[in-house]
């Protein structure tokens, strides 16, 4: 699989390619439960408040073109949610989003 996002597969041991937003903390984890059978690590985002997040680098895109965005996420408690957001930084607008509260990889 190819991606414009550095460390998209989480195989690097560092978190420097990811930015924590709000009061979130990001770490790399190698312990169970893994999110895929082939991955060695995953990014763990611990939030202290609603709206905390982890963000990849900002990607420049061509207006009017279609793009594919995907991620695997798993919540650790029924009261939490994970949200994948494609966001327009220039216009401060959500392009598309998907929310999950599943306790298994989704």
PDB file of N, CA and C in Angstrom:
ATOM      1  N   UNK A   1       0.836  -1.165   0.000  1.00  0.00           N
ATOM      2  CA  UNK A   1       0.000   0.000   0.000  1.00  0.00           C
ATOM      3  C   UNK A   1       0.891   1.242   0.000  1.00  0.00           C
ATOM      4  N   UNK A   2       0.483   2.256  -0.720  1.00  0.00           N
ATOM      5  CA  UNK A   2       1.218   3.509  -0.774  1.00  0.00           C
ATOM      6  C   UNK A   2       0.430   4.594  -0.068  1.00  0.00           C
ATOM      7  N   UNK A   3       1.135   5.549   0.499  1.00  0.00           N
ATOM      8  CA  UNK A   3       0.476   6.653   1.191  1.00  0.00           C
ATOM      9  C   UNK A   3       1.368   7.879   1.152  1.00  0.00           C
ATOM     10  N   UNK A   4       0.766   9.042   1.145  1.00  0.00           N
ATOM     11  CA  UNK A   4       1.489  10.299   1.248  1.00  0.00           C
ATOM     12  C   UNK A   4       1.800  10.642   2.702  1.00  0.00           C
ATOM     13  N   UNK A   5       1.192   9.920   3.641  1.00  0.00           N
ATOM     14  CA  UNK A   5       1.364  10.188   5.063  1.00  0.00           C
ATOM     15  C   UNK A   5       2.613   9.470   5.565  1.00  0.00           C
ATOM     16  N   UNK A   6       3.598  10.205   6.097  1.00  0.00           N
ATOM     17  CA  UNK A   6       4.768   9.532   6.674  1.00  0.00           C
ATOM     18  C   UNK A   6       4.346   8.630   7.833  1.00  0.00           C
ATOM     19  N   UNK A   7       4.966   7.487   7.933  1.00  0.00           N
ATOM     20  CA  UNK A   7       4.688   6.518   9.001  1.00  0.00           C
ATOM     21  C   UNK A   7       3.219   6.100   9.044  1.00  0.00           C
ATOM     22  N   UNK A   8       2.568   6.032   7.891  1.00  0.00           N
ATOM     23  CA  UNK A   8       1.166   5.611   7.820  1.00  0.00           C
ATOM     24  C   UNK A   8       0.962   4.198   8.339  1.00  0.00           C
ATOM     25  N   UNK A   9       1.985   3.364   8.233  1.00  0.00           N
ATOM     26  CA  UNK A   9       1.859   1.973   8.678  1.00  0.00           C
ATOM     27  C   UNK A   9       2.290   1.771  10.127  1.00  0.00           C
ATOM     28  N   UNK A  10       2.728   2.844  10.780  1.00  0.00           N
ATOM     29  CA  UNK A  10       3.112   2.854  12.193  1.00  0.00           C
ATOM     30  C   UNK A  10       4.325   1.982  12.499  1.00  0.00           C
ATOM     31  N   UNK A  11       5.141   1.678  11.515  1.00  0.00           N
ATOM     32  CA  UNK A  11       6.281   0.802  11.753  1.00  0.00           C
ATOM     33  C   UNK A  11       7.484   1.527  12.355  1.00  0.00           C
ATOM     34  N   UNK A  12       7.495   2.848  12.337  1.00  0.00           N
ATOM     35  CA  UNK A  12       8.567   3.586  13.000  1.00  0.00           C
ATOM     36  C   UNK A  12       8.329   3.566  14.505  1.00  0.00           C
ATOM     37  N   UNK A  13       9.377   3.603  15.286  1.00  0.00           N
ATOM     38  CA  UNK A  13       9.209   3.553  16.743  1.00  0.00           C
ATOM     39  C   UNK A  13       8.900   4.924  17.342  1.00  0.00           C
ATOM     40  N   UNK A  14       9.128   5.995  16.589  1.00  0.00           N
ATOM     41  CA  UNK A  14       8.897   7.347  17.098  1.00  0.00           C
ATOM     42  C   UNK A  14       7.481   7.839  16.764  1.00  0.00           C
ATOM     43  N   UNK A  15       7.121   8.971  17.328  1.00  0.00           N
ATOM     44  CA  UNK A  15       5.806   9.578  17.046  1.00  0.00           C
ATOM     45  C   UNK A  15       5.959  10.946  16.395  1.00  0.00           C
ATOM     46  N   UNK A  16       7.146  11.274  15.909  1.00  0.00           N
ATOM     47  CA  UNK A  16       7.388  12.616  15.383  1.00  0.00           C
ATOM     48  C   UNK A  16       6.603  12.935  14.113  1.00  0.00           C
ATOM     49  N   UNK A  17       6.062  11.948  13.435  1.00  0.00           N
ATOM     50  CA  UNK A  17       5.249  12.194  12.242  1.00  0.00           C
ATOM     51  C   UNK A  17       3.792  12.474  12.592  1.00  0.00           C
ATOM     52  N   UNK A  18       3.464  12.475  13.869  1.00  0.00           N
ATOM     53  CA  UNK A  18       2.087  12.671  14.328  1.00  0.00           C
ATOM     54  C   UNK A  18       2.037  13.813  15.335  1.00  0.00           C
ATOM     55  N   UNK A  19       1.014  14.628  15.235  1.00  0.00           N
ATOM     56  CA  UNK A  19       0.850  15.775  16.115  1.00  0.00           C
ATOM     57  C   UNK A  19      -0.340  15.538  17.028  1.00  0.00           C
ATOM     58  N   UNK A  20      -0.131  15.704  18.329  1.00  0.00           N
ATOM     59  CA  UNK A  20      -1.222  15.602  19.293  1.00  0.00           C
ATOM     60  C   UNK A  20      -1.911  16.954  19.374  1.00  0.00           C
ATOM     61  N   UNK A  21      -3.242  16.940  19.342  1.00  0.00           N
ATOM     62  CA  UNK A  21      -4.005  18.173  19.428  1.00  0.00           C
ATOM     63  C   UNK A  21      -4.790  18.252  20.718  1.00  0.00           C
ATOM     64  N   UNK A  22      -5.032  19.474  21.175  1.00  0.00           N
ATOM     65  CA  UNK A  22      -5.714  19.639  22.453  1.00  0.00           C
ATOM     66  C   UNK A  22      -4.789  19.182  23.558  1.00  0.00           C
ATOM     67  N   UNK A  23      -5.318  18.379  24.465  1.00  0.00           N
ATOM     68  CA  UNK A  23      -4.490  17.850  25.553  1.00  0.00           C
ATOM     69  C   UNK A  23      -4.184  16.372  25.362  1.00  0.00           C
ATOM     70  N   UNK A  24      -4.312  15.887  24.128  1.00  0.00           N
ATOM     71  CA  UNK A  24      -4.054  14.471  23.829  1.00  0.00           C
ATOM     72  C   UNK A  24      -2.578  14.138  23.976  1.00  0.00           C
ATOM     73  N   UNK A  25      -2.318  12.863  24.236  1.00  0.00           N
ATOM     74  CA  UNK A  25      -0.964  12.320  24.274  1.00  0.00           C
ATOM     75  C   UNK A  25      -0.904  11.192  23.257  1.00  0.00           C
ATOM     76  N   UNK A  26       0.145  11.169  22.422  1.00  0.00           N
ATOM     77  CA  UNK A  26       0.302  10.089  21.454  1.00  0.00           C
ATOM     78  C   UNK A  26       1.543   9.286  21.790  1.00  0.00           C
ATOM     79  N   UNK A  27       1.410   7.965  21.750  1.00  0.00           N
ATOM     80  CA  UNK A  27       2.525   7.051  21.965  1.00  0.00           C
ATOM     81  C   UNK A  27       2.402   5.915  20.964  1.00  0.00           C
ATOM     82  N   UNK A  28       3.492   5.197  20.758  1.00  0.00           N
ATOM     83  CA  UNK A  28       3.454   3.988  19.945  1.00  0.00           C
ATOM     84  C   UNK A  28       3.358   2.798  20.883  1.00  0.00           C
ATOM     85  N   UNK A  29       2.512   1.841  20.553  1.00  0.00           N
ATOM     86  CA  UNK A  29       2.320   0.646  21.367  1.00  0.00           C
ATOM     87  C   UNK A  29       2.685  -0.592  20.559  1.00  0.00           C
ATOM     88  N   UNK A  30       3.229  -1.585  21.220  1.00  0.00           N
ATOM     89  CA  UNK A  30       3.562  -2.849  20.568  1.00  0.00           C
ATOM     90  C   UNK A  30       2.853  -4.022  21.227  1.00  0.00           C
ATOM     91  N   UNK A  31       2.129  -3.764  22.287  1.00  0.00           N
ATOM     92  CA  UNK A  31       1.459  -4.839  23.019  1.00  0.00           C
ATOM     93  C   UNK A  31       0.065  -5.085  22.465  1.00  0.00           C
ATOM     94  N   UNK A  32      -0.512  -6.185  22.869  1.00  0.00           N
ATOM     95  CA  UNK A  32      -1.875  -6.519  22.447  1.00  0.00           C
ATOM     96  C   UNK A  32      -2.853  -5.520  23.049  1.00  0.00           C
ATOM     97  N   UNK A  33      -3.946  -5.300  22.420  1.00  0.00           N
ATOM     98  CA  UNK A  33      -4.394  -5.928  21.179  1.00  0.00           C
ATOM     99  C   UNK A  33      -3.892  -5.173  19.956  1.00  0.00           C
ATOM    100  N   UNK A  34      -3.273  -5.897  19.050  1.00  0.00           N
ATOM    101  CA  UNK A  34      -2.829  -5.286  17.812  1.00  0.00           C
ATOM    102  C   UNK A  34      -4.040  -5.063  16.919  1.00  0.00           C
ATOM    103  N   UNK A  35      -3.933  -4.078  16.031  1.00  0.00           N
ATOM    104  CA  UNK A  35      -5.055  -3.755  15.164  1.00  0.00           C
ATOM    105  C   UNK A  35      -5.011  -4.503  13.836  1.00  0.00           C
ATOM    106  N   UNK A  36      -3.870  -5.082  13.499  1.00  0.00           N
ATOM    107  CA  UNK A  36      -3.784  -5.893  12.287  1.00  0.00           C
ATOM    108  C   UNK A  36      -2.779  -7.010  12.514  1.00  0.00           C
ATOM    109  N   UNK A  37      -2.868  -8.045  11.735  1.00  0.00           N
ATOM    110  CA  UNK A  37      -1.985  -9.189  11.913  1.00  0.00           C
ATOM    111  C   UNK A  37      -0.570  -8.912  11.410  1.00  0.00           C
ATOM    112  N   UNK A  38      -0.415  -7.949  10.512  1.00  0.00           N
ATOM    113  CA  UNK A  38       0.906  -7.687   9.951  1.00  0.00           C
ATOM    114  C   UNK A  38       1.650  -6.552  10.647  1.00  0.00           C
ATOM    115  N   UNK A  39       0.951  -5.716  11.400  1.00  0.00           N
ATOM    116  CA  UNK A  39       1.591  -4.563  12.016  1.00  0.00           C
ATOM    117  C   UNK A  39       2.325  -4.896  13.301  1.00  0.00           C
ATOM    118  N   UNK A  40       3.409  -4.174  13.551  1.00  0.00           N
ATOM    119  CA  UNK A  40       4.177  -4.353  14.775  1.00  0.00           C
ATOM    120  C   UNK A  40       3.792  -3.314  15.823  1.00  0.00           C
ATOM    121  N   UNK A  41       3.295  -2.154  15.365  1.00  0.00           N
ATOM    122  CA  UNK A  41       2.970  -1.063  16.279  1.00  0.00           C
ATOM    123  C   UNK A  41       1.644  -0.425  15.893  1.00  0.00           C
ATOM    124  N   UNK A  42       1.108   0.329  16.850  1.00  0.00           N
ATOM    125  CA  UNK A  42      -0.041   1.179  16.543  1.00  0.00           C
ATOM    126  C   UNK A  42       0.083   2.466  17.329  1.00  0.00           C
ATOM    127  N   UNK A  43      -0.591   3.496  16.857  1.00  0.00           N
ATOM    128  CA  UNK A  43      -0.566   4.784  17.525  1.00  0.00           C
ATOM    129  C   UNK A  43      -1.675   4.809  18.568  1.00  0.00           C
ATOM    130  N   UNK A  44      -1.306   5.103  19.805  1.00  0.00           N
ATOM    131  CA  UNK A  44      -2.291   5.200  20.879  1.00  0.00           C
ATOM    132  C   UNK A  44      -2.502   6.678  21.172  1.00  0.00           C
ATOM    133  N   UNK A  45      -3.766   7.090  21.160  1.00  0.00           N
ATOM    134  CA  UNK A  45      -4.117   8.476  21.443  1.00  0.00           C
ATOM    135  C   UNK A  45      -4.912   8.484  22.737  1.00  0.00           C
ATOM    136  N   UNK A  46      -4.358   9.083  23.769  1.00  0.00           N
ATOM    137  CA  UNK A  46      -5.048   9.202  25.050  1.00  0.00           C
ATOM    138  C   UNK A  46      -5.543  10.633  25.154  1.00  0.00           C
ATOM    139  N   UNK A  47      -6.858  10.759  25.280  1.00  0.00           N
ATOM    140  CA  UNK A  47      -7.428  12.107  25.354  1.00  0.00           C
ATOM    141  C   UNK A  47      -7.866  12.420  26.775  1.00  0.00           C
ATOM    142  N   UNK A  48      -7.727  13.669  27.129  1.00  0.00           N
ATOM    143  CA  UNK A  48      -8.153  14.141  28.448  1.00  0.00           C
ATOM    144  C   UNK A  48      -9.449  14.938  28.343  1.00  0.00           C
ATOM    145  N   UNK A  49      -9.805  15.335  27.131  1.00  0.00           N
ATOM    146  CA  UNK A  49     -11.006  16.142  26.934  1.00  0.00           C
ATOM    147  C   UNK A  49     -11.614  15.833  25.569  1.00  0.00           C
ATOM    148  N   UNK A  50     -12.895  16.086  25.437  1.00  0.00           N
ATOM    149  CA  UNK A  50     -13.570  15.900  24.153  1.00  0.00           C
ATOM    150  C   UNK A  50     -12.881  16.759  23.094  1.00  0.00           C
ATOM    151  N   UNK A  51     -12.723  16.219  21.915  1.00  0.00           N
ATOM    152  CA  UNK A  51     -12.106  16.966  20.828  1.00  0.00           C
ATOM    153  C   UNK A  51     -10.605  16.819  20.722  1.00  0.00           C
ATOM    154  N   UNK A  52      -9.962  16.124  21.662  1.00  0.00           N
ATOM    155  CA  UNK A  52      -8.532  15.867  21.541  1.00  0.00           C
ATOM    156  C   UNK A  52      -8.296  14.973  20.329  1.00  0.00           C
ATOM    157  N   UNK A  53      -7.120  15.065  19.732  1.00  0.00           N
ATOM    158  CA  UNK A  53      -6.893  14.309  18.499  1.00  0.00           C
ATOM    159  C   UNK A  53      -5.411  14.090  18.230  1.00  0.00           C
ATOM    160  N   UNK A  54      -5.151  13.236  17.231  1.00  0.00           N
ATOM    161  CA  UNK A  54      -3.819  13.068  16.653  1.00  0.00           C
ATOM    162  C   UNK A  54      -3.967  13.371  15.170  1.00  0.00           C
ATOM    163  N   UNK A  55      -2.979  14.070  14.613  1.00  0.00           N
ATOM    164  CA  UNK A  55      -3.056  14.490  13.221  1.00  0.00           C
ATOM    165  C   UNK A  55      -1.776  14.108  12.491  1.00  0.00           C
ATOM    166  N   UNK A  56      -1.958  13.679  11.248  1.00  0.00           N
ATOM    167  CA  UNK A  56      -0.792  13.425  10.389  1.00  0.00           C
ATOM    168  C   UNK A  56      -0.302  14.756   9.843  1.00  0.00           C
ATOM    169  N   UNK A  57       0.691  14.689   8.979  1.00  0.00           N
ATOM    170  CA  UNK A  57       1.148  15.907   8.325  1.00  0.00           C
ATOM    171  C   UNK A  57       0.030  16.457   7.430  1.00  0.00           C
ATOM    172  N   UNK A  58       0.130  17.718   7.084  1.00  0.00           N
ATOM    173  CA  UNK A  58      -0.864  18.336   6.204  1.00  0.00           C
ATOM    174  C   UNK A  58      -0.487  18.007   4.768  1.00  0.00           C
ATOM    175  N   UNK A  59      -1.456  17.494   4.020  1.00  0.00           N
ATOM    176  CA  UNK A  59      -1.225  17.103   2.631  1.00  0.00           C
ATOM    177  C   UNK A  59      -1.830  18.138   1.690  1.00  0.00           C
ATOM    178  N   UNK A  60      -1.098  18.497   0.689  1.00  0.00           N
ATOM    179  CA  UNK A  60      -1.617  19.395  -0.351  1.00  0.00           C
ATOM    180  C   UNK A  60      -2.347  18.538  -1.371  1.00  0.00           C
ATOM    181  N   UNK A  61      -3.549  18.944  -1.722  1.00  0.00           N
ATOM    182  CA  UNK A  61      -4.320  18.175  -2.703  1.00  0.00           C
ATOM    183  C   UNK A  61      -4.790  19.088  -3.826  1.00  0.00           C
ATOM    184  N   UNK A  62      -5.181  18.478  -4.928  1.00  0.00           N
ATOM    185  CA  UNK A  62      -5.682  19.220  -6.074  1.00  0.00           C
ATOM    186  C   UNK A  62      -7.198  19.329  -5.973  1.00  0.00           C
ATOM    187  N   UNK A  63      -7.735  20.539  -5.929  1.00  0.00           N
ATOM    188  CA  UNK A  63      -9.193  20.712  -5.849  1.00  0.00           C
ATOM    189  C   UNK A  63      -9.912  20.002  -7.000  1.00  0.00           C
ATOM    190  N   UNK A  64     -11.048  19.408  -6.685  1.00  0.00           N
ATOM    191  CA  UNK A  64     -11.849  18.723  -7.697  1.00  0.00           C
ATOM    192  C   UNK A  64     -11.473  17.275  -7.925  1.00  0.00           C
ATOM    193  N   UNK A  65     -10.365  16.814  -7.373  1.00  0.00           N
ATOM    194  CA  UNK A  65      -9.935  15.415  -7.509  1.00  0.00           C
ATOM    195  C   UNK A  65     -10.524  14.591  -6.380  1.00  0.00           C
ATOM    196  N   UNK A  66     -10.646  13.290  -6.584  1.00  0.00           N
ATOM    197  CA  UNK A  66     -11.110  12.376  -5.543  1.00  0.00           C
ATOM    198  C   UNK A  66      -9.915  11.759  -4.834  1.00  0.00           C
ATOM    199  N   UNK A  67     -10.065  11.545  -3.523  1.00  0.00           N
ATOM    200  CA  UNK A  67      -9.003  10.952  -2.714  1.00  0.00           C
ATOM    201  C   UNK A  67      -9.608   9.899  -1.803  1.00  0.00           C
ATOM    202  N   UNK A  68      -8.785   8.938  -1.416  1.00  0.00           N
ATOM    203  CA  UNK A  68      -9.219   7.863  -0.508  1.00  0.00           C
ATOM    204  C   UNK A  68      -8.533   8.072   0.835  1.00  0.00           C
ATOM    205  N   UNK A  69      -9.327   8.051   1.899  1.00  0.00           N
ATOM    206  CA  UNK A  69      -8.805   8.190   3.254  1.00  0.00           C
ATOM    207  C   UNK A  69      -9.300   7.001   4.058  1.00  0.00           C
ATOM    208  N   UNK A  70      -8.402   6.346   4.799  1.00  0.00           N
ATOM    209  CA  UNK A  70      -8.837   5.220   5.622  1.00  0.00           C
ATOM    210  C   UNK A  70      -7.929   5.085   6.839  1.00  0.00           C
ATOM    211  N   UNK A  71      -8.453   4.411   7.843  1.00  0.00           N
ATOM    212  CA  UNK A  71      -7.702   4.138   9.065  1.00  0.00           C
ATOM    213  C   UNK A  71      -8.376   2.987   9.792  1.00  0.00           C
ATOM    214  N   UNK A  72      -7.624   2.332  10.659  1.00  0.00           N
ATOM    215  CA  UNK A  72      -8.185   1.324  11.554  1.00  0.00           C
ATOM    216  C   UNK A  72      -8.138   1.919  12.950  1.00  0.00           C
ATOM    217  N   UNK A  73      -9.249   1.845  13.669  1.00  0.00           N
ATOM    218  CA  UNK A  73      -9.294   2.391  15.025  1.00  0.00           C
ATOM    219  C   UNK A  73     -10.065   1.451  15.936  1.00  0.00           C
ATOM    220  N   UNK A  74      -9.747   1.519  17.234  1.00  0.00           N
ATOM    221  CA  UNK A  74     -10.455   0.731  18.240  1.00  0.00           C
ATOM    222  C   UNK A  74     -10.544   1.570  19.511  1.00  0.00           C
ATOM    223  N   UNK A  75     -11.753   1.731  20.010  1.00  0.00           N
ATOM    224  CA  UNK A  75     -11.953   2.453  21.275  1.00  0.00           C
ATOM    225  C   UNK A  75     -11.642   1.511  22.433  1.00  0.00           C
ATOM    226  N   UNK A  76     -11.204   2.063  23.555  1.00  0.00           N
ATOM    227  CA  UNK A  76     -10.856   1.240  24.708  1.00  0.00           C
ATOM    228  C   UNK A  76     -11.952   1.190  25.761  1.00  0.00           C
ATOM    229  N   UNK A  77     -12.995   2.008  25.597  1.00  0.00           N
ATOM    230  CA  UNK A  77     -14.121   1.997  26.536  1.00  0.00           C
ATOM    231  C   UNK A  77     -15.387   2.371  25.784  1.00  0.00           C
ATOM    232  N   UNK A  78     -16.507   1.854  26.232  1.00  0.00           N
ATOM    233  CA  UNK A  78     -17.777   2.101  25.554  1.00  0.00           C
ATOM    234  C   UNK A  78     -18.153   3.580  25.540  1.00  0.00           C
ATOM    235  N   UNK A  79     -17.625   4.348  26.457  1.00  0.00           N
ATOM    236  CA  UNK A  79     -17.971   5.764  26.539  1.00  0.00           C
ATOM    237  C   UNK A  79     -17.099   6.651  25.647  1.00  0.00           C
ATOM    238  N   UNK A  80     -16.185   6.044  24.870  1.00  0.00           N
ATOM    239  CA  UNK A  80     -15.297   6.825  24.012  1.00  0.00           C
ATOM    240  C   UNK A  80     -15.658   6.650  22.547  1.00  0.00           C
ATOM    241  N   UNK A  81     -15.204   7.575  21.728  1.00  0.00           N
ATOM    242  CA  UNK A  81     -15.411   7.480  20.287  1.00  0.00           C
ATOM    243  C   UNK A  81     -14.110   7.790  19.567  1.00  0.00           C
ATOM    244  N   UNK A  82     -13.973   7.224  18.390  1.00  0.00           N
ATOM    245  CA  UNK A  82     -12.858   7.525  17.492  1.00  0.00           C
ATOM    246  C   UNK A  82     -13.463   8.163  16.251  1.00  0.00           C
ATOM    247  N   UNK A  83     -12.779   9.162  15.727  1.00  0.00           N
ATOM    248  CA  UNK A  83     -13.315   9.866  14.564  1.00  0.00           C
ATOM    249  C   UNK A  83     -12.204  10.107  13.550  1.00  0.00           C
ATOM    250  N   UNK A  84     -12.420   9.674  12.321  1.00  0.00           N
ATOM    251  CA  UNK A  84     -11.515   9.933  11.213  1.00  0.00           C
ATOM    252  C   UNK A  84     -12.063  11.150  10.481  1.00  0.00           C
ATOM    253  N   UNK A  85     -11.223  12.169  10.316  1.00  0.00           N
ATOM    254  CA  UNK A  85     -11.679  13.418   9.700  1.00  0.00           C
ATOM    255  C   UNK A  85     -10.747  13.815   8.566  1.00  0.00           C
ATOM    256  N   UNK A  86     -11.323  14.085   7.403  1.00  0.00           N
ATOM    257  CA  UNK A  86     -10.603  14.749   6.314  1.00  0.00           C
ATOM    258  C   UNK A  86     -10.949  16.226   6.472  1.00  0.00           C
ATOM    259  N   UNK A  87      -9.924  17.053   6.702  1.00  0.00           N
ATOM    260  CA  UNK A  87     -10.153  18.439   7.103  1.00  0.00           C
ATOM    261  C   UNK A  87      -9.453  19.412   6.160  1.00  0.00           C
ATOM    262  N   UNK A  88     -10.142  20.451   5.783  1.00  0.00           N
ATOM    263  CA  UNK A  88      -9.597  21.510   4.939  1.00  0.00           C
ATOM    264  C   UNK A  88      -8.986  22.577   5.844  1.00  0.00           C
ATOM    265  N   UNK A  89      -7.668  22.565   5.984  1.00  0.00           N
ATOM    266  CA  UNK A  89      -6.975  23.519   6.854  1.00  0.00           C
ATOM    267  C   UNK A  89      -7.130  24.959   6.357  1.00  0.00           C
ATOM    268  N   UNK A  90      -7.115  25.147   5.047  1.00  0.00           N
ATOM    269  CA  UNK A  90      -7.209  26.488   4.482  1.00  0.00           C
ATOM    270  C   UNK A  90      -8.526  27.163   4.829  1.00  0.00           C
ATOM    271  N   UNK A  91      -9.622  26.415   4.736  1.00  0.00           N
ATOM    272  CA  UNK A  91     -10.955  26.980   4.974  1.00  0.00           C
ATOM    273  C   UNK A  91     -11.545  26.586   6.321  1.00  0.00           C
ATOM    274  N   UNK A  92     -10.774  25.918   7.156  1.00  0.00           N
ATOM    275  CA  UNK A  92     -11.241  25.470   8.485  1.00  0.00           C
ATOM    276  C   UNK A  92     -12.583  24.738   8.390  1.00  0.00           C
ATOM    277  N   UNK A  93     -12.618  23.720   7.533  1.00  0.00           N
ATOM    278  CA  UNK A  93     -13.873  22.998   7.302  1.00  0.00           C
ATOM    279  C   UNK A  93     -13.642  21.496   7.230  1.00  0.00           C
ATOM    280  N   UNK A  94     -14.587  20.735   7.772  1.00  0.00           N
ATOM    281  CA  UNK A  94     -14.562  19.278   7.659  1.00  0.00           C
ATOM    282  C   UNK A  94     -15.047  18.903   6.264  1.00  0.00           C
ATOM    283  N   UNK A  95     -14.257  18.133   5.542  1.00  0.00           N
ATOM    284  CA  UNK A  95     -14.644  17.662   4.214  1.00  0.00           C
ATOM    285  C   UNK A  95     -15.527  16.426   4.364  1.00  0.00           C
ATOM    286  N   UNK A  96     -15.084  15.484   5.188  1.00  0.00           N
ATOM    287  CA  UNK A  96     -15.835  14.255   5.458  1.00  0.00           C
ATOM    288  C   UNK A  96     -15.330  13.682   6.773  1.00  0.00           C
ATOM    289  N   UNK A  97     -16.189  12.896   7.446  1.00  0.00           N
ATOM    290  CA  UNK A  97     -15.761  12.269   8.701  1.00  0.00           C
ATOM    291  C   UNK A  97     -16.526  10.973   8.914  1.00  0.00           C
ATOM    292  N   UNK A  98     -15.947  10.119   9.741  1.00  0.00           N
ATOM    293  CA  UNK A  98     -16.568   8.851  10.136  1.00  0.00           C
ATOM    294  C   UNK A  98     -16.299   8.656  11.620  1.00  0.00           C
ATOM    295  N   UNK A  99     -17.332   8.323  12.376  1.00  0.00           N
ATOM    296  CA  UNK A  99     -17.204   8.134  13.822  1.00  0.00           C
ATOM    297  C   UNK A  99     -17.521   6.686  14.193  1.00  0.00           C
ATOM    298  N   UNK A 100     -16.744   6.132  15.130  1.00  0.00           N
ATOM    299  CA  UNK A 100     -16.967   4.772  15.614  1.00  0.00           C
ATOM    300  C   UNK A 100     -16.809   4.735  17.127  1.00  0.00           C
ATOM    301  N   UNK A 101     -17.594   3.896  17.777  1.00  0.00           N
ATOM    302  CA  UNK A 101     -17.421   3.658  19.215  1.00  0.00           C
ATOM    303  C   UNK A 101     -17.213   2.161  19.491  1.00  0.00           C
ATOM    304  N   UNK A 102     -16.771   1.449  18.472  1.00  0.00           N
ATOM    305  CA  UNK A 102     -16.592  -0.002  18.587  1.00  0.00           C
ATOM    306  C   UNK A 102     -15.383  -0.350  19.441  1.00  0.00           C
ATOM    307  N   UNK A 103     -15.506  -1.435  20.178  1.00  0.00           N
ATOM    308  CA  UNK A 103     -14.426  -1.908  21.055  1.00  0.00           C
ATOM    309  C   UNK A 103     -13.574  -2.951  20.351  1.00  0.00           C
ATOM    310  N   UNK A 104     -13.683  -3.022  19.042  1.00  0.00           N
ATOM    311  CA  UNK A 104     -12.877  -3.910  18.215  1.00  0.00           C
ATOM    312  C   UNK A 104     -12.435  -3.109  16.993  1.00  0.00           C
ATOM    313  N   UNK A 105     -11.394  -3.558  16.277  1.00  0.00           N
ATOM    314  CA  UNK A 105     -10.914  -2.797  15.126  1.00  0.00           C
ATOM    315  C   UNK A 105     -12.016  -2.558  14.111  1.00  0.00           C
ATOM    316  N   UNK A 106     -12.144  -1.315  13.712  1.00  0.00           N
ATOM    317  CA  UNK A 106     -13.163  -0.924  12.719  1.00  0.00           C
ATOM    318  C   UNK A 106     -12.532   0.031  11.717  1.00  0.00           C
TER     319      UNK A 106
END
